[in-house]
Amino acid sequence: MYRCEKSSKCISKQRLLDGIPDCPFDDDETFNQSCSLNDIRQRFRCSNDNNEKCFASLVIQDGKKDCKYGEDESNKKQQMIEKHIYFQTICDGITELLPVLIDGKNETDETQCHDWPCNNTYSRCDQFWLCKDGADEVNCPSSTCPELYHECVFPNDTSKVSCLPITKVNNGVYDCLGGTDERRRLSYSSEHWN
């Protein structure tokens, strides 16, 4: 942790020289010993500069020359930056990785974070719906349904397990026996006044 000058505020050392002032006096953006930090593999050192500043990868190719000769804005240097980040920095509201084109989409460590609390490695296919539409429980190895469908027993045919499109989940219509497709509605308690 880094303690801001003339303040009781502490910030992660990863936020030093990241182009975003976090300290009241902006000393996190003028810190001079950034090359001696433990996360040096995730930082960019200006090769033609004697100021010994190592910048967070977030400021590389951001359109602003942080290095004296602007090498932080060249593609060649960008390719040399380590692409490893700490797990706890994923979906923390700060983009540590520059966009990478994956399947035709620009992806960062902040991409699809709206799904992160419910649909991630630790919650997928555990038989508990954490996402509103149950997206964390589709396409699981144990499922007999096609992609983006949930298993469902229809009230008019209880003799077999059928498949319900994910688009019909939590839409206000009880399609499955026991309302299993409307779990959000079933989980809310209501108050009654006499």
N, C-alpha and C. Protein backbone atom coordinates (compact mmCIF):
# COMPACT_ATOMS: atom_id res chain seq x y z
N MET A 1 0.84 -1.18 0.00
CA MET A 1 0.00 0.00 0.00
C MET A 1 0.88 1.24 0.00
N TYR A 2 0.39 2.28 -0.62
CA TYR A 2 1.08 3.56 -0.64
C TYR A 2 0.23 4.56 0.14
N ARG A 3 0.87 5.26 1.06
CA ARG A 3 0.16 6.28 1.83
C ARG A 3 0.38 7.64 1.17
N CYS A 4 -0.70 8.29 0.83
CA CYS A 4 -0.63 9.60 0.18
C CYS A 4 0.01 10.62 1.12
N GLU A 5 0.79 11.52 0.52
CA GLU A 5 1.45 12.57 1.30
C GLU A 5 0.43 13.47 1.98
N LYS A 6 0.74 13.86 3.20
CA LYS A 6 -0.09 14.79 3.98
C LYS A 6 -1.54 14.32 4.07
N SER A 7 -1.72 13.00 4.16
CA SER A 7 -3.07 12.45 4.18
C SER A 7 -3.04 11.09 4.87
N SER A 8 -4.19 10.66 5.35
CA SER A 8 -4.28 9.32 5.92
C SER A 8 -4.76 8.31 4.87
N LYS A 9 -5.00 8.79 3.65
CA LYS A 9 -5.49 7.92 2.58
C LYS A 9 -4.39 6.99 2.09
N CYS A 10 -4.73 5.72 1.91
CA CYS A 10 -3.81 4.73 1.36
C CYS A 10 -4.42 4.15 0.09
N ILE A 11 -3.57 3.91 -0.89
CA ILE A 11 -4.02 3.32 -2.16
C ILE A 11 -3.11 2.15 -2.51
N SER A 12 -3.57 1.29 -3.39
CA SER A 12 -2.76 0.18 -3.87
C SER A 12 -1.58 0.73 -4.65
N LYS A 13 -0.43 0.09 -4.54
CA LYS A 13 0.75 0.53 -5.29
C LYS A 13 0.53 0.38 -6.79
N GLN A 14 -0.40 -0.44 -7.18
CA GLN A 14 -0.72 -0.59 -8.60
C GLN A 14 -1.32 0.69 -9.18
N ARG A 15 -1.81 1.55 -8.33
CA ARG A 15 -2.43 2.80 -8.80
C ARG A 15 -1.42 3.94 -8.92
N LEU A 16 -0.16 3.66 -8.63
CA LEU A 16 0.88 4.68 -8.78
C LEU A 16 1.21 4.86 -10.25
N LEU A 17 1.33 6.10 -10.69
CA LEU A 17 1.67 6.44 -12.07
C LEU A 17 0.78 5.73 -13.08
N ASP A 18 -0.52 5.72 -12.80
CA ASP A 18 -1.47 5.09 -13.73
C ASP A 18 -2.27 6.12 -14.51
N GLY A 19 -1.89 7.39 -14.39
CA GLY A 19 -2.57 8.45 -15.12
C GLY A 19 -3.83 8.96 -14.46
N ILE A 20 -4.18 8.41 -13.31
CA ILE A 20 -5.39 8.82 -12.59
C ILE A 20 -4.99 9.27 -11.19
N PRO A 21 -5.09 10.57 -10.89
CA PRO A 21 -4.72 11.05 -9.55
C PRO A 21 -5.69 10.51 -8.50
N ASP A 22 -5.15 9.78 -7.53
CA ASP A 22 -5.96 9.23 -6.45
C ASP A 22 -5.72 9.95 -5.13
N CYS A 23 -4.54 10.53 -4.96
CA CYS A 23 -4.18 11.21 -3.72
C CYS A 23 -4.62 12.67 -3.76
N PRO A 24 -4.90 13.26 -2.61
CA PRO A 24 -5.35 14.66 -2.56
C PRO A 24 -4.38 15.64 -3.21
N PHE A 25 -3.07 15.35 -3.15
CA PHE A 25 -2.07 16.25 -3.73
C PHE A 25 -1.43 15.65 -4.98
N ASP A 26 -2.05 14.65 -5.57
CA ASP A 26 -1.60 14.00 -6.81
C ASP A 26 -0.21 13.40 -6.73
N ASP A 27 0.30 13.14 -5.52
CA ASP A 27 1.65 12.60 -5.38
C ASP A 27 1.76 11.17 -5.91
N ASP A 28 0.63 10.49 -6.09
CA ASP A 28 0.68 9.15 -6.68
C ASP A 28 1.06 9.19 -8.15
N GLU A 29 0.96 10.35 -8.78
CA GLU A 29 1.33 10.50 -10.18
C GLU A 29 2.71 11.13 -10.36
N THR A 30 3.38 11.47 -9.27
CA THR A 30 4.73 12.03 -9.35
C THR A 30 5.72 11.18 -8.55
N PHE A 31 5.31 10.02 -8.12
CA PHE A 31 6.13 9.10 -7.32
C PHE A 31 7.40 8.73 -8.09
N ASN A 32 8.57 8.87 -7.47
CA ASN A 32 9.83 8.68 -8.17
C ASN A 32 10.46 7.30 -8.05
N GLN A 33 9.98 6.45 -7.17
CA GLN A 33 10.60 5.13 -7.01
C GLN A 33 9.73 4.01 -7.57
N SER A 34 9.01 4.30 -8.62
CA SER A 34 8.07 3.32 -9.17
C SER A 34 8.77 2.12 -9.81
N CYS A 35 10.02 2.26 -10.20
CA CYS A 35 10.73 1.12 -10.81
C CYS A 35 11.20 0.11 -9.76
N SER A 36 11.12 0.47 -8.50
CA SER A 36 11.54 -0.46 -7.44
C SER A 36 10.34 -1.17 -6.81
N LEU A 37 9.15 -0.97 -7.35
CA LEU A 37 7.96 -1.62 -6.81
C LEU A 37 7.94 -3.10 -7.16
N ASN A 38 7.22 -3.88 -6.37
CA ASN A 38 7.15 -5.33 -6.58
C ASN A 38 6.45 -5.71 -7.89
N ASP A 39 5.62 -4.83 -8.42
CA ASP A 39 4.87 -5.16 -9.63
C ASP A 39 5.58 -4.66 -10.89
N ILE A 40 6.90 -4.59 -10.87
CA ILE A 40 7.67 -4.04 -11.98
C ILE A 40 7.41 -4.77 -13.30
N ARG A 41 7.07 -6.06 -13.26
CA ARG A 41 6.80 -6.80 -14.49
C ARG A 41 5.54 -6.30 -15.18
N GLN A 42 4.69 -5.60 -14.46
CA GLN A 42 3.45 -5.07 -15.03
C GLN A 42 3.58 -3.59 -15.35
N ARG A 43 4.78 -3.07 -15.28
CA ARG A 43 5.00 -1.65 -15.51
C ARG A 43 5.85 -1.45 -16.75
N PHE A 44 5.80 -0.25 -17.28
CA PHE A 44 6.54 0.12 -18.48
C PHE A 44 7.62 1.11 -18.10
N ARG A 45 8.88 0.77 -18.39
CA ARG A 45 10.01 1.65 -18.09
C ARG A 45 10.39 2.39 -19.37
N CYS A 46 10.49 3.69 -19.28
CA CYS A 46 10.94 4.50 -20.40
C CYS A 46 12.41 4.19 -20.65
N SER A 47 12.73 3.71 -21.85
CA SER A 47 14.09 3.26 -22.14
C SER A 47 15.07 4.40 -22.39
N ASN A 48 14.62 5.51 -22.88
CA ASN A 48 15.51 6.62 -23.23
C ASN A 48 15.43 7.77 -22.24
N ASP A 49 15.08 7.48 -21.03
CA ASP A 49 14.85 8.54 -20.05
C ASP A 49 15.57 8.19 -18.76
N ASN A 50 16.15 9.14 -18.12
CA ASN A 50 16.87 8.91 -16.87
C ASN A 50 16.02 9.20 -15.64
N ASN A 51 14.73 9.45 -15.82
CA ASN A 51 13.91 9.83 -14.67
C ASN A 51 13.49 8.63 -13.82
N GLU A 52 13.83 7.41 -14.26
CA GLU A 52 13.55 6.20 -13.49
C GLU A 52 12.09 6.07 -13.08
N LYS A 53 11.19 6.38 -13.98
CA LYS A 53 9.77 6.18 -13.71
C LYS A 53 9.28 4.98 -14.51
N CYS A 54 8.53 4.15 -13.83
CA CYS A 54 7.92 3.00 -14.48
C CYS A 54 6.41 3.16 -14.37
N PHE A 55 5.76 3.26 -15.50
CA PHE A 55 4.33 3.58 -15.54
C PHE A 55 3.47 2.32 -15.56
N ALA A 56 2.27 2.44 -15.01
CA ALA A 56 1.28 1.35 -15.08
C ALA A 56 0.91 1.14 -16.54
N SER A 57 0.62 -0.10 -16.91
CA SER A 57 0.31 -0.42 -18.31
C SER A 57 -0.92 0.33 -18.83
N LEU A 58 -1.73 0.81 -17.92
CA LEU A 58 -2.94 1.55 -18.30
C LEU A 58 -2.63 2.80 -19.11
N VAL A 59 -1.48 3.44 -18.88
CA VAL A 59 -1.17 4.70 -19.56
C VAL A 59 -0.42 4.48 -20.87
N ILE A 60 -0.12 3.24 -21.21
CA ILE A 60 0.59 2.95 -22.45
C ILE A 60 -0.39 3.06 -23.61
N GLN A 61 0.02 3.75 -24.64
CA GLN A 61 -0.80 4.00 -25.84
C GLN A 61 -2.14 4.64 -25.49
N ASP A 62 -2.11 5.61 -24.59
CA ASP A 62 -3.34 6.31 -24.23
C ASP A 62 -3.45 7.66 -24.92
N GLY A 63 -2.53 7.94 -25.86
CA GLY A 63 -2.56 9.20 -26.59
C GLY A 63 -1.78 10.31 -25.91
N LYS A 64 -1.23 10.05 -24.74
CA LYS A 64 -0.45 11.05 -24.01
C LYS A 64 0.96 10.52 -23.81
N LYS A 65 1.95 11.29 -24.20
CA LYS A 65 3.35 10.87 -24.05
C LYS A 65 3.79 11.05 -22.60
N ASP A 66 3.98 9.93 -21.91
CA ASP A 66 4.45 9.97 -20.54
C ASP A 66 5.97 9.91 -20.49
N CYS A 67 6.59 9.22 -21.44
CA CYS A 67 8.05 9.16 -21.53
C CYS A 67 8.56 10.37 -22.31
N LYS A 68 9.77 10.77 -22.00
CA LYS A 68 10.36 11.96 -22.62
C LYS A 68 10.34 11.89 -24.14
N TYR A 69 10.62 10.70 -24.70
CA TYR A 69 10.68 10.55 -26.15
C TYR A 69 9.45 9.84 -26.73
N GLY A 70 8.44 9.64 -25.92
CA GLY A 70 7.17 9.11 -26.40
C GLY A 70 7.13 7.63 -26.72
N GLU A 71 8.12 6.86 -26.24
CA GLU A 71 8.13 5.43 -26.57
C GLU A 71 6.97 4.67 -25.93
N ASP A 72 6.30 5.28 -24.96
CA ASP A 72 5.13 4.63 -24.36
C ASP A 72 3.93 4.64 -25.31
N GLU A 73 4.06 5.34 -26.42
CA GLU A 73 2.97 5.40 -27.39
C GLU A 73 3.25 4.57 -28.64
N SER A 74 4.38 3.87 -28.70
CA SER A 74 4.70 3.08 -29.89
C SER A 74 4.20 1.65 -29.74
N ASN A 75 3.75 1.06 -30.85
CA ASN A 75 3.24 -0.31 -30.84
C ASN A 75 4.31 -1.32 -30.46
N LYS A 76 5.55 -1.08 -30.86
CA LYS A 76 6.63 -2.02 -30.57
C LYS A 76 6.80 -2.20 -29.07
N LYS A 77 6.80 -1.12 -28.33
CA LYS A 77 6.95 -1.22 -26.87
C LYS A 77 5.72 -1.84 -26.24
N GLN A 78 4.56 -1.56 -26.78
CA GLN A 78 3.32 -2.11 -26.24
C GLN A 78 3.36 -3.63 -26.22
N GLN A 79 3.92 -4.22 -27.27
CA GLN A 79 3.95 -5.67 -27.36
C GLN A 79 4.86 -6.30 -26.32
N MET A 80 5.77 -5.51 -25.74
CA MET A 80 6.73 -6.05 -24.78
C MET A 80 6.20 -6.02 -23.35
N ILE A 81 5.09 -5.37 -23.11
CA ILE A 81 4.54 -5.26 -21.76
C ILE A 81 3.95 -6.60 -21.34
N GLU A 82 4.21 -7.00 -20.11
CA GLU A 82 3.63 -8.23 -19.58
C GLU A 82 2.11 -8.10 -19.57
N LYS A 83 1.43 -9.16 -19.87
CA LYS A 83 -0.03 -9.14 -19.91
C LYS A 83 -0.62 -9.88 -18.72
N HIS A 84 0.06 -9.88 -17.60
CA HIS A 84 -0.43 -10.55 -16.40
C HIS A 84 -0.98 -9.51 -15.44
N ILE A 85 -2.12 -9.80 -14.87
CA ILE A 85 -2.68 -8.91 -13.85
C ILE A 85 -3.10 -9.76 -12.66
N TYR A 86 -3.27 -9.14 -11.53
CA TYR A 86 -3.71 -9.85 -10.35
C TYR A 86 -5.20 -10.16 -10.45
N PHE A 87 -5.61 -11.32 -9.95
CA PHE A 87 -7.00 -11.75 -10.01
C PHE A 87 -7.94 -10.69 -9.42
N GLN A 88 -7.54 -10.11 -8.29
CA GLN A 88 -8.43 -9.16 -7.62
C GLN A 88 -8.60 -7.85 -8.40
N THR A 89 -7.81 -7.64 -9.46
CA THR A 89 -7.99 -6.43 -10.25
C THR A 89 -8.99 -6.61 -11.39
N ILE A 90 -9.47 -7.84 -11.60
CA ILE A 90 -10.47 -8.07 -12.63
C ILE A 90 -11.81 -7.52 -12.14
N CYS A 91 -12.44 -6.72 -12.97
CA CYS A 91 -13.74 -6.12 -12.66
C CYS A 91 -13.70 -5.28 -11.39
N ASP A 92 -12.60 -4.53 -11.22
CA ASP A 92 -12.51 -3.63 -10.06
C ASP A 92 -12.81 -2.19 -10.45
N GLY A 93 -13.25 -1.97 -11.70
CA GLY A 93 -13.59 -0.63 -12.15
C GLY A 93 -12.43 0.12 -12.76
N ILE A 94 -11.24 -0.48 -12.78
CA ILE A 94 -10.06 0.16 -13.36
C ILE A 94 -9.51 -0.77 -14.44
N THR A 95 -9.33 -0.25 -15.66
CA THR A 95 -8.83 -1.06 -16.76
C THR A 95 -7.32 -1.16 -16.68
N GLU A 96 -6.82 -2.35 -16.37
CA GLU A 96 -5.37 -2.57 -16.32
C GLU A 96 -4.83 -3.05 -17.66
N LEU A 97 -5.63 -3.77 -18.43
CA LEU A 97 -5.19 -4.29 -19.72
C LEU A 97 -5.79 -3.47 -20.85
N LEU A 98 -4.96 -3.11 -21.80
CA LEU A 98 -5.46 -2.41 -22.98
C LEU A 98 -6.34 -3.36 -23.78
N PRO A 99 -7.29 -2.84 -24.55
CA PRO A 99 -8.19 -3.71 -25.31
C PRO A 99 -7.44 -4.66 -26.24
N VAL A 100 -7.89 -5.90 -26.26
CA VAL A 100 -7.35 -6.93 -27.14
C VAL A 100 -8.51 -7.47 -27.96
N LEU A 101 -8.32 -7.62 -29.25
CA LEU A 101 -9.38 -8.10 -30.13
C LEU A 101 -9.53 -9.61 -29.97
N ILE A 102 -10.69 -10.06 -29.45
CA ILE A 102 -10.98 -11.47 -29.26
C ILE A 102 -12.35 -11.74 -29.87
N ASP A 103 -12.40 -12.65 -30.82
CA ASP A 103 -13.65 -12.98 -31.52
C ASP A 103 -14.35 -11.73 -32.05
N GLY A 104 -13.57 -10.80 -32.59
CA GLY A 104 -14.13 -9.60 -33.19
C GLY A 104 -14.56 -8.53 -32.20
N LYS A 105 -14.29 -8.72 -30.91
CA LYS A 105 -14.67 -7.74 -29.89
C LYS A 105 -13.44 -7.30 -29.11
N ASN A 106 -13.38 -6.02 -28.75
CA ASN A 106 -12.31 -5.52 -27.90
C ASN A 106 -12.59 -5.92 -26.47
N GLU A 107 -11.68 -6.70 -25.89
CA GLU A 107 -11.85 -7.20 -24.53
C GLU A 107 -10.76 -6.62 -23.62
N THR A 108 -11.13 -6.29 -22.39
CA THR A 108 -10.17 -5.86 -21.37
C THR A 108 -10.47 -6.64 -20.09
N ASP A 109 -9.78 -6.30 -19.03
CA ASP A 109 -10.07 -6.94 -17.74
C ASP A 109 -11.36 -6.40 -17.13
N GLU A 110 -11.99 -5.44 -17.78
CA GLU A 110 -13.25 -4.87 -17.31
C GLU A 110 -14.42 -5.22 -18.23
N THR A 111 -14.20 -6.09 -19.20
CA THR A 111 -15.25 -6.48 -20.14
C THR A 111 -16.22 -7.45 -19.48
N GLN A 112 -17.49 -7.28 -19.73
CA GLN A 112 -18.58 -8.13 -19.24
C GLN A 112 -18.60 -8.24 -17.72
N CYS A 113 -18.25 -7.16 -17.06
CA CYS A 113 -18.24 -7.18 -15.59
C CYS A 113 -19.64 -7.22 -15.00
N HIS A 114 -20.64 -6.84 -15.79
CA HIS A 114 -22.01 -6.93 -15.28
C HIS A 114 -22.36 -8.39 -14.98
N ASP A 115 -21.68 -9.34 -15.64
CA ASP A 115 -21.91 -10.76 -15.38
C ASP A 115 -20.98 -11.31 -14.31
N TRP A 116 -19.94 -10.57 -13.96
CA TRP A 116 -18.91 -11.12 -13.06
C TRP A 116 -19.46 -11.62 -11.73
N PRO A 117 -20.31 -10.88 -11.04
CA PRO A 117 -20.77 -11.39 -9.75
C PRO A 117 -21.55 -12.70 -9.87
N CYS A 118 -22.18 -12.94 -11.01
CA CYS A 118 -23.02 -14.13 -11.12
C CYS A 118 -22.46 -15.20 -12.05
N ASN A 119 -21.71 -14.83 -13.06
CA ASN A 119 -21.26 -15.80 -14.06
C ASN A 119 -19.75 -15.77 -14.18
N ASN A 120 -19.09 -16.59 -13.40
CA ASN A 120 -17.63 -16.67 -13.44
C ASN A 120 -17.21 -18.11 -13.19
N THR A 121 -15.95 -18.35 -13.22
CA THR A 121 -15.40 -19.71 -13.07
C THR A 121 -15.91 -20.41 -11.82
N TYR A 122 -16.11 -19.65 -10.77
CA TYR A 122 -16.48 -20.24 -9.48
C TYR A 122 -17.98 -20.47 -9.33
N SER A 123 -18.79 -19.86 -10.18
CA SER A 123 -20.23 -20.00 -10.04
C SER A 123 -20.88 -20.77 -11.19
N ARG A 124 -20.13 -21.04 -12.25
CA ARG A 124 -20.71 -21.73 -13.40
C ARG A 124 -21.01 -23.19 -13.09
N CYS A 125 -22.17 -23.60 -13.52
CA CYS A 125 -22.58 -25.01 -13.47
C CYS A 125 -22.52 -25.61 -12.07
N ASP A 126 -22.90 -24.82 -11.06
CA ASP A 126 -22.93 -25.35 -9.69
C ASP A 126 -24.36 -25.65 -9.23
N GLN A 127 -25.32 -25.57 -10.17
CA GLN A 127 -26.74 -25.85 -9.95
C GLN A 127 -27.46 -24.77 -9.14
N PHE A 128 -26.82 -23.61 -8.96
CA PHE A 128 -27.46 -22.47 -8.30
C PHE A 128 -27.49 -21.31 -9.27
N TRP A 129 -28.66 -20.76 -9.53
CA TRP A 129 -28.78 -19.62 -10.43
C TRP A 129 -28.34 -18.36 -9.70
N LEU A 130 -27.24 -17.79 -10.12
CA LEU A 130 -26.80 -16.51 -9.56
C LEU A 130 -27.15 -15.36 -10.49
N CYS A 131 -27.15 -15.61 -11.79
CA CYS A 131 -27.55 -14.58 -12.75
C CYS A 131 -29.07 -14.54 -12.84
N LYS A 132 -29.60 -13.37 -13.10
CA LYS A 132 -31.05 -13.19 -13.17
C LYS A 132 -31.70 -14.16 -14.16
N ASP A 133 -31.04 -14.37 -15.30
CA ASP A 133 -31.59 -15.27 -16.31
C ASP A 133 -31.01 -16.68 -16.23
N GLY A 134 -30.22 -16.95 -15.20
CA GLY A 134 -29.63 -18.27 -15.05
C GLY A 134 -28.52 -18.57 -16.03
N ALA A 135 -27.91 -17.54 -16.61
CA ALA A 135 -26.86 -17.72 -17.62
C ALA A 135 -25.67 -18.51 -17.08
N ASP A 136 -25.49 -18.50 -15.77
CA ASP A 136 -24.38 -19.26 -15.18
C ASP A 136 -24.66 -20.76 -15.16
N GLU A 137 -25.88 -21.16 -15.52
CA GLU A 137 -26.25 -22.57 -15.49
C GLU A 137 -26.66 -23.12 -16.86
N VAL A 138 -26.38 -22.41 -17.94
CA VAL A 138 -26.65 -22.94 -19.28
C VAL A 138 -25.34 -23.47 -19.87
N ASN A 139 -25.47 -24.35 -20.86
CA ASN A 139 -24.33 -24.95 -21.55
C ASN A 139 -23.43 -25.74 -20.59
N CYS A 140 -24.01 -26.32 -19.59
CA CYS A 140 -23.24 -27.11 -18.61
C CYS A 140 -23.14 -28.56 -19.09
N PRO A 141 -22.08 -29.25 -18.71
CA PRO A 141 -21.90 -30.64 -19.16
C PRO A 141 -23.07 -31.56 -18.80
N SER A 142 -23.72 -31.32 -17.67
CA SER A 142 -24.82 -32.20 -17.25
C SER A 142 -26.14 -31.89 -17.94
N SER A 143 -26.22 -30.77 -18.65
CA SER A 143 -27.47 -30.36 -19.29
C SER A 143 -27.73 -31.15 -20.57
N THR A 144 -29.00 -31.45 -20.80
CA THR A 144 -29.40 -32.14 -22.03
C THR A 144 -29.94 -31.14 -23.05
N CYS A 145 -29.95 -29.85 -22.70
CA CYS A 145 -30.51 -28.82 -23.56
C CYS A 145 -29.45 -28.20 -24.47
N PRO A 146 -29.90 -27.63 -25.60
CA PRO A 146 -28.95 -26.94 -26.48
C PRO A 146 -28.45 -25.64 -25.83
N GLU A 147 -27.54 -25.00 -26.50
CA GLU A 147 -26.95 -23.76 -26.01
C GLU A 147 -28.02 -22.70 -25.74
N LEU A 148 -27.89 -22.00 -24.63
CA LEU A 148 -28.79 -20.92 -24.20
C LEU A 148 -30.22 -21.40 -23.91
N TYR A 149 -30.35 -22.63 -23.44
CA TYR A 149 -31.64 -23.18 -23.01
C TYR A 149 -31.48 -23.77 -21.61
N HIS A 150 -32.55 -23.69 -20.83
CA HIS A 150 -32.59 -24.29 -19.49
C HIS A 150 -33.50 -25.51 -19.51
N GLU A 151 -33.18 -26.47 -18.66
CA GLU A 151 -34.06 -27.62 -18.50
C GLU A 151 -35.33 -27.16 -17.80
N CYS A 152 -36.47 -27.71 -18.22
CA CYS A 152 -37.76 -27.26 -17.71
C CYS A 152 -38.76 -28.41 -17.84
N VAL A 153 -39.60 -28.55 -16.83
CA VAL A 153 -40.72 -29.50 -16.92
C VAL A 153 -41.96 -28.65 -17.11
N PHE A 154 -42.58 -28.78 -18.29
CA PHE A 154 -43.76 -27.99 -18.59
C PHE A 154 -44.97 -28.55 -17.85
N PRO A 155 -45.83 -27.70 -17.29
CA PRO A 155 -47.00 -28.17 -16.52
C PRO A 155 -47.95 -29.05 -17.33
N ASN A 156 -48.02 -28.85 -18.64
CA ASN A 156 -48.93 -29.64 -19.46
C ASN A 156 -48.32 -30.98 -19.90
N ASP A 157 -47.03 -31.21 -19.58
CA ASP A 157 -46.38 -32.48 -19.91
C ASP A 157 -45.30 -32.78 -18.87
N THR A 158 -45.73 -33.36 -17.76
CA THR A 158 -44.81 -33.62 -16.65
C THR A 158 -44.04 -34.93 -16.80
N SER A 159 -44.24 -35.61 -17.92
CA SER A 159 -43.59 -36.91 -18.10
C SER A 159 -42.15 -36.81 -18.61
N LYS A 160 -41.73 -35.60 -19.02
CA LYS A 160 -40.37 -35.47 -19.55
C LYS A 160 -39.78 -34.09 -19.24
N VAL A 161 -38.48 -34.03 -19.30
CA VAL A 161 -37.77 -32.76 -19.12
C VAL A 161 -37.62 -32.12 -20.50
N SER A 162 -38.08 -30.89 -20.63
CA SER A 162 -37.98 -30.16 -21.89
C SER A 162 -36.95 -29.05 -21.73
N CYS A 163 -36.84 -28.22 -22.75
CA CYS A 163 -35.88 -27.12 -22.72
C CYS A 163 -36.58 -25.79 -22.98
N LEU A 164 -36.24 -24.79 -22.19
CA LEU A 164 -36.84 -23.46 -22.29
C LEU A 164 -35.74 -22.47 -22.68
N PRO A 165 -36.00 -21.62 -23.70
CA PRO A 165 -34.98 -20.63 -24.09
C PRO A 165 -34.69 -19.66 -22.93
N ILE A 166 -33.46 -19.27 -22.80
CA ILE A 166 -33.05 -18.37 -21.73
C ILE A 166 -33.80 -17.03 -21.81
N THR A 167 -34.26 -16.67 -23.00
CA THR A 167 -34.99 -15.42 -23.17
C THR A 167 -36.36 -15.43 -22.48
N LYS A 168 -36.86 -16.62 -22.15
CA LYS A 168 -38.17 -16.72 -21.48
C LYS A 168 -38.04 -16.83 -19.96
N VAL A 169 -36.83 -16.72 -19.45
CA VAL A 169 -36.59 -16.81 -18.01
C VAL A 169 -36.85 -15.44 -17.38
N ASN A 170 -37.51 -15.44 -16.23
CA ASN A 170 -37.83 -14.21 -15.49
C ASN A 170 -38.50 -13.15 -16.35
N ASN A 171 -39.44 -13.61 -17.17
CA ASN A 171 -40.21 -12.67 -18.00
C ASN A 171 -41.62 -12.44 -17.46
N GLY A 172 -41.88 -12.96 -16.27
CA GLY A 172 -43.19 -12.76 -15.65
C GLY A 172 -44.19 -13.85 -15.97
N VAL A 173 -43.83 -14.80 -16.82
CA VAL A 173 -44.72 -15.89 -17.20
C VAL A 173 -44.14 -17.19 -16.64
N TYR A 174 -44.96 -17.93 -15.88
CA TYR A 174 -44.52 -19.20 -15.31
C TYR A 174 -44.66 -20.29 -16.37
N ASP A 175 -43.55 -20.64 -17.00
CA ASP A 175 -43.55 -21.66 -18.04
C ASP A 175 -43.26 -23.05 -17.48
N CYS A 176 -42.42 -23.12 -16.46
CA CYS A 176 -41.97 -24.40 -15.91
C CYS A 176 -42.72 -24.74 -14.63
N LEU A 177 -42.89 -26.03 -14.40
CA LEU A 177 -43.54 -26.53 -13.20
C LEU A 177 -42.81 -26.00 -11.96
N GLY A 178 -43.58 -25.49 -11.02
CA GLY A 178 -42.98 -24.95 -9.79
C GLY A 178 -42.39 -23.56 -9.97
N GLY A 179 -42.58 -22.96 -11.15
CA GLY A 179 -42.06 -21.61 -11.39
C GLY A 179 -40.54 -21.54 -11.39
N THR A 180 -39.87 -22.64 -11.74
CA THR A 180 -38.41 -22.64 -11.69
C THR A 180 -37.77 -21.68 -12.69
N ASP A 181 -38.55 -21.23 -13.67
CA ASP A 181 -38.02 -20.25 -14.62
C ASP A 181 -38.25 -18.81 -14.14
N GLU A 182 -38.97 -18.64 -13.05
CA GLU A 182 -39.26 -17.32 -12.49
C GLU A 182 -38.70 -17.23 -11.07
N ARG A 183 -37.49 -17.64 -10.90
CA ARG A 183 -36.87 -17.70 -9.57
C ARG A 183 -36.79 -16.36 -8.87
N ARG A 184 -36.58 -15.31 -9.60
CA ARG A 184 -36.50 -13.98 -8.97
C ARG A 184 -37.83 -13.58 -8.35
N ARG A 185 -38.90 -13.95 -9.01
CA ARG A 185 -40.22 -13.60 -8.48
C ARG A 185 -40.54 -14.43 -7.25
N LEU A 186 -40.11 -15.68 -7.24
CA LEU A 186 -40.39 -16.56 -6.12
C LEU A 186 -39.55 -16.23 -4.90
N SER A 187 -38.40 -15.61 -5.11
CA SER A 187 -37.48 -15.38 -3.99
C SER A 187 -37.80 -14.13 -3.20
N TYR A 188 -38.65 -13.26 -3.73
CA TYR A 188 -38.98 -12.03 -3.00
C TYR A 188 -40.08 -12.30 -1.98
N SER A 189 -39.89 -11.79 -0.80
CA SER A 189 -40.94 -11.93 0.21
C SER A 189 -41.86 -10.72 0.12
N SER A 190 -43.05 -10.89 0.56
CA SER A 190 -43.99 -9.77 0.55
C SER A 190 -44.51 -9.54 1.96
N GLU A 191 -44.89 -8.32 2.23
CA GLU A 191 -45.44 -7.98 3.54
C GLU A 191 -46.95 -7.84 3.43
N HIS A 192 -47.64 -8.34 4.43
CA HIS A 192 -49.09 -8.22 4.47
C HIS A 192 -49.47 -7.48 5.74
N TRP A 193 -50.36 -6.52 5.61
CA TRP A 193 -50.83 -5.75 6.76
C TRP A 193 -52.28 -6.12 7.06
N ASN A 194 -52.58 -6.32 8.30
CA ASN A 194 -53.96 -6.65 8.71
C ASN A 194 -54.74 -5.39 9.02
